[in-house]
Amino acid sequence: MLIVFVRAVLIYIFLLVAMRLMGKKQLGELQPFEFAVTLIMAELACIPMSDTTVPVIYGLVPIFTLFVVQFALTKLIKHSLKARRLINGKPVIVINPCGIDYRAISMLDLTVNDLLEALREKNYLSPEELEYAIFETNGDVSVIPKAANRPLTAGDVMADAPPALLPYAVICEGKKMSENIRKGKIDYSQVEKVLQKYELKQKNVLLMTVTGGENFYLQPKSGKYITGRLEEENAG
């Protein structure tokens, strides 16, 4: 039992030192190759810890080898733009002034729901609120809101400001979201009239949301997004 304890402490200290030498990125958001190295190191450390028949050196040497490889890759991508793009990839703009870039999210193998979830994590409920959204190489999303939707300062907040309304997705990637239509008490016939007005078929709609049962955001699979009010569009 004492041998197992000593081996575990030794490997833990060695692994901790290696992780610290890799830099603070290992303790925060990881690039893909850093994440892979971290997982492999954890697995290598477990083997000699749990199996006393395996010499400790069989765990330390692979961990040290991975540390050297990771250190070399870090230096390489620091000094070579081509290597950085090859290993880490490059940021991808998924929302621009025209709206959601369908080709970009398809290239990233993302769904619209994935994108909306990422935006909600940034406290934005609709793509309409953003000028740009960028998927970074570490999987995080950076957002640049429109001027009207930038975070308020304490002096900007009004005591009688109306509560935020949740936008309901009525069409997502060409599919009708019946449950959301029901929850939002949305008249889908008005939605269909909006599609007819802009000569769009449901299958060609990337995303359409309705907020407060009235204000809509319509993003075709190609072209600029459209906003408006259902009643006004139907009246016109």
Protein backbone atom coordinates (compact mmCIF):
# COMPACT_ATOMS: atom_id res chain seq x y z
CA MET A 1 0.00 0.00 0.00
CA LEU A 2 2.86 2.37 0.85
CA ILE A 3 4.45 1.67 -2.54
CA VAL A 4 1.22 2.60 -4.35
CA PHE A 5 0.99 5.81 -2.30
CA VAL A 6 4.57 6.83 -3.07
CA ARG A 7 4.20 6.04 -6.79
CA ALA A 8 0.99 8.08 -6.98
CA VAL A 9 2.58 11.08 -5.25
CA LEU A 10 5.68 10.90 -7.46
CA ILE A 11 3.69 10.73 -10.71
CA TYR A 12 1.32 13.47 -9.53
CA ILE A 13 4.19 15.84 -8.77
CA PHE A 14 5.86 15.08 -12.11
CA LEU A 15 2.60 15.60 -14.00
CA LEU A 16 1.86 18.83 -12.12
CA VAL A 17 5.29 20.23 -12.96
CA ALA A 18 4.88 19.28 -16.62
CA MET A 19 1.44 20.92 -16.81
CA ARG A 20 2.75 24.09 -15.19
CA LEU A 21 5.66 24.26 -17.61
CA MET A 22 3.23 24.00 -20.53
CA GLY A 23 1.82 27.38 -19.57
CA LYS A 24 -1.38 28.84 -18.23
CA LYS A 25 -3.34 27.89 -21.36
CA GLN A 26 -3.43 24.32 -20.07
CA LEU A 27 -5.39 25.58 -17.08
CA GLY A 28 -7.85 27.60 -19.15
CA GLU A 29 -9.28 27.19 -22.63
CA LEU A 30 -7.36 24.65 -24.68
CA GLN A 31 -6.51 24.47 -28.33
CA PRO A 32 -7.33 21.06 -29.89
CA PHE A 33 -3.75 19.74 -29.75
CA GLU A 34 -3.37 20.93 -26.14
CA PHE A 35 -6.59 19.16 -25.17
CA ALA A 36 -5.38 15.94 -26.81
CA VAL A 37 -2.02 16.11 -24.97
CA THR A 38 -3.79 16.70 -21.65
CA LEU A 39 -6.06 13.69 -22.10
CA ILE A 40 -3.19 11.40 -23.09
CA MET A 41 -1.07 12.55 -20.17
CA ALA A 42 -3.89 11.79 -17.74
CA GLU A 43 -4.26 8.29 -19.18
CA LEU A 44 -0.51 7.62 -19.07
CA ALA A 45 -0.35 8.75 -15.45
CA CYS A 46 -3.13 6.35 -14.41
CA ILE A 47 -1.36 3.19 -15.62
CA PRO A 48 1.69 3.18 -13.32
CA MET A 49 -0.39 4.60 -10.48
CA SER A 50 -2.82 1.68 -10.44
CA ASP A 51 -0.57 -1.17 -11.61
CA THR A 52 2.46 -1.74 -9.37
CA THR A 53 3.89 -4.25 -11.87
CA VAL A 54 4.51 -1.41 -14.31
CA PRO A 55 7.76 0.47 -13.55
CA VAL A 56 7.20 4.13 -12.68
CA ILE A 57 9.64 5.13 -15.40
CA TYR A 58 7.21 3.69 -18.01
CA GLY A 59 4.80 6.45 -17.03
CA LEU A 60 7.30 9.27 -16.59
CA VAL A 61 9.10 8.84 -19.91
CA PRO A 62 5.93 9.06 -22.11
CA ILE A 63 4.70 12.05 -20.11
CA PHE A 64 8.05 13.79 -20.56
CA THR A 65 8.02 12.93 -24.27
CA LEU A 66 4.58 14.50 -24.71
CA PHE A 67 5.75 17.55 -22.80
CA VAL A 68 8.67 17.97 -25.22
CA VAL A 69 6.40 17.50 -28.26
CA GLN A 70 3.85 19.96 -26.92
CA PHE A 71 6.57 22.49 -26.07
CA ALA A 72 8.00 22.18 -29.59
CA LEU A 73 4.57 22.61 -31.21
CA THR A 74 3.86 25.67 -29.07
CA LYS A 75 7.10 27.30 -30.19
CA LEU A 76 6.39 26.35 -33.80
CA ILE A 77 2.92 27.88 -33.94
CA LYS A 78 4.20 30.96 -32.11
CA HIS A 79 6.67 31.73 -34.90
CA SER A 80 4.90 30.27 -37.96
CA LEU A 81 1.53 31.52 -39.18
CA LYS A 82 1.16 28.57 -41.57
CA ALA A 83 1.83 26.07 -38.79
CA ARG A 84 -0.64 27.89 -36.53
CA ARG A 85 -3.40 27.66 -39.12
CA LEU A 86 -2.61 24.02 -39.85
CA ILE A 87 -2.57 22.90 -36.20
CA ASN A 88 -5.06 25.26 -34.57
CA GLY A 89 -7.23 26.20 -37.54
CA LYS A 90 -8.46 29.79 -37.88
CA PRO A 91 -11.38 31.81 -36.51
CA VAL A 92 -14.57 31.64 -38.56
CA ILE A 93 -17.10 34.47 -38.84
CA VAL A 94 -20.54 32.88 -38.43
CA ILE A 95 -22.59 36.10 -38.16
CA ASN A 96 -21.85 39.21 -40.22
CA PRO A 97 -23.85 42.37 -41.05
CA CYS A 98 -25.94 40.27 -43.47
CA GLY A 99 -26.90 37.79 -40.75
CA ILE A 100 -26.00 34.14 -40.19
CA ASP A 101 -23.47 32.72 -42.63
CA TYR A 102 -24.97 29.33 -43.52
CA ARG A 103 -21.86 28.15 -45.37
CA ALA A 104 -19.68 29.00 -42.37
CA ILE A 105 -21.74 27.05 -39.83
CA SER A 106 -22.01 24.13 -42.27
CA MET A 107 -18.22 24.11 -42.63
CA LEU A 108 -17.93 23.95 -38.83
CA ASP A 109 -20.52 21.14 -38.75
CA LEU A 110 -22.75 23.24 -36.50
CA THR A 111 -26.52 23.50 -36.43
CA VAL A 112 -28.44 26.72 -35.97
CA ASN A 113 -29.45 25.48 -32.53
CA ASP A 114 -25.78 25.11 -31.62
CA LEU A 115 -25.20 28.71 -32.67
CA LEU A 116 -28.21 30.03 -30.78
CA GLU A 117 -27.11 28.17 -27.65
CA ALA A 118 -23.64 29.73 -27.92
CA LEU A 119 -25.21 33.20 -28.27
CA ARG A 120 -27.44 32.66 -25.22
CA GLU A 121 -24.33 31.81 -23.22
CA LYS A 122 -23.12 35.30 -24.16
CA ASN A 123 -26.48 36.78 -23.03
CA TYR A 124 -27.80 37.44 -26.54
CA LEU A 125 -31.14 35.96 -27.52
CA SER A 126 -31.16 36.72 -31.24
CA PRO A 127 -28.61 37.02 -34.08
CA GLU A 128 -30.30 40.33 -34.87
CA GLU A 129 -28.56 41.87 -31.84
CA LEU A 130 -25.08 41.22 -33.23
CA GLU A 131 -22.88 42.82 -35.83
CA TYR A 132 -20.47 39.88 -35.81
CA ALA A 133 -20.04 36.52 -34.10
CA ILE A 134 -16.79 34.61 -34.49
CA PHE A 135 -16.04 31.00 -33.59
CA GLU A 136 -12.52 31.00 -32.20
CA THR A 137 -10.03 28.17 -32.64
CA ASN A 138 -10.55 27.02 -29.04
CA GLY A 139 -14.29 26.56 -29.58
CA ASP A 140 -15.35 29.75 -27.81
CA VAL A 141 -17.55 32.39 -29.45
CA SER A 142 -16.63 36.07 -29.59
CA VAL A 143 -19.50 38.49 -30.21
CA ILE A 144 -19.56 42.10 -31.35
CA PRO A 145 -23.02 43.54 -30.65
CA LYS A 146 -24.66 46.30 -32.59
CA ALA A 147 -24.42 49.74 -30.98
CA ALA A 148 -28.02 49.58 -29.75
CA ASN A 149 -27.43 46.22 -28.05
CA ARG A 150 -24.17 46.87 -26.24
CA PRO A 151 -24.22 46.26 -22.48
CA LEU A 152 -25.67 49.13 -20.50
CA THR A 153 -23.72 51.08 -17.94
CA ALA A 154 -25.25 51.82 -14.55
CA GLY A 155 -26.28 55.26 -15.79
CA ASP A 156 -28.09 53.80 -18.78
CA VAL A 157 -30.41 51.55 -16.80
CA MET A 158 -33.96 52.79 -16.35
CA ALA A 159 -36.11 51.62 -13.48
CA ASP A 160 -39.14 51.26 -15.73
CA ALA A 161 -37.38 49.43 -18.59
CA PRO A 162 -39.60 46.74 -20.16
CA PRO A 163 -38.65 43.10 -19.48
CA ALA A 164 -36.75 41.17 -22.14
CA LEU A 165 -38.88 38.93 -24.35
CA LEU A 166 -37.79 35.47 -25.47
CA PRO A 167 -37.66 34.98 -29.26
CA TYR A 168 -39.27 31.72 -30.43
CA ALA A 169 -37.75 29.93 -33.40
CA VAL A 170 -40.66 29.14 -35.73
CA ILE A 171 -38.49 27.83 -38.58
CA CYS A 172 -35.05 26.32 -38.04
CA GLU A 173 -32.97 24.97 -40.92
CA GLY A 174 -36.03 24.66 -43.14
CA LYS A 175 -38.18 22.88 -40.55
CA LYS A 176 -41.32 24.17 -38.89
CA MET A 177 -40.99 24.26 -35.08
CA SER A 178 -44.54 23.40 -34.06
CA GLU A 179 -43.89 23.29 -30.32
CA ASN A 180 -42.36 26.78 -30.30
CA ILE A 181 -45.25 28.12 -32.39
CA ARG A 182 -47.68 26.75 -29.83
CA LYS A 183 -45.73 28.06 -26.82
CA GLY A 184 -45.33 31.49 -28.36
CA LYS A 185 -49.01 31.59 -29.43
CA ILE A 186 -47.91 32.57 -32.92
CA ASP A 187 -50.24 32.69 -35.90
CA TYR A 188 -48.30 30.63 -38.44
CA SER A 189 -50.50 31.82 -41.28
CA GLN A 190 -48.92 35.26 -40.80
CA VAL A 191 -45.49 33.66 -40.98
CA GLU A 192 -46.44 31.99 -44.27
CA LYS A 193 -47.62 35.30 -45.69
CA VAL A 194 -44.25 36.87 -44.80
CA LEU A 195 -42.48 34.05 -46.64
CA GLN A 196 -44.73 34.57 -49.66
CA LYS A 197 -44.06 38.31 -49.65
CA TYR A 198 -40.31 37.74 -49.83
CA GLU A 199 -40.70 34.81 -52.23
CA LEU A 200 -39.15 32.35 -49.84
CA LYS A 201 -40.00 28.71 -49.29
CA GLN A 202 -39.81 27.19 -45.83
CA LYS A 203 -36.97 24.88 -46.88
CA ASN A 204 -34.87 27.91 -47.89
CA VAL A 205 -35.14 29.55 -44.46
CA LEU A 206 -32.17 29.07 -42.16
CA LEU A 207 -33.83 30.68 -39.14
CA MET A 208 -36.97 32.63 -38.38
CA THR A 209 -37.83 33.80 -34.89
CA VAL A 210 -40.82 35.71 -33.55
CA THR A 211 -40.55 37.80 -30.38
CA GLY A 212 -43.58 38.85 -28.38
CA GLY A 213 -45.83 37.24 -30.97
CA GLU A 214 -45.12 40.09 -33.36
CA ASN A 215 -41.51 41.10 -34.15
CA PHE A 216 -39.76 38.67 -36.48
CA TYR A 217 -36.22 37.94 -37.59
CA LEU A 218 -35.93 36.08 -40.89
CA GLN A 219 -32.60 34.68 -42.09
CA PRO A 220 -32.63 33.00 -45.52
CA LYS A 221 -29.99 30.38 -46.29
CA SER A 222 -28.49 32.90 -48.66
CA GLY A 223 -28.78 36.66 -48.59
CA LYS A 224 -29.29 39.30 -45.93
CA TYR A 225 -31.61 38.82 -42.97
CA ILE A 226 -35.00 40.57 -42.77
CA THR A 227 -36.73 42.03 -39.74
CA GLY A 228 -40.18 43.49 -39.23
CA ARG A 229 -43.57 43.08 -37.60
CA LEU A 230 -45.94 40.33 -38.67
CA GLU A 231 -49.05 42.51 -38.76
CA GLU A 232 -47.36 45.27 -40.76
CA GLU A 233 -45.95 42.82 -43.29
CA ASN A 234 -49.32 41.12 -43.69
CA ALA A 235 -51.09 44.46 -43.98
CA GLY A 236 -48.66 45.54 -46.69
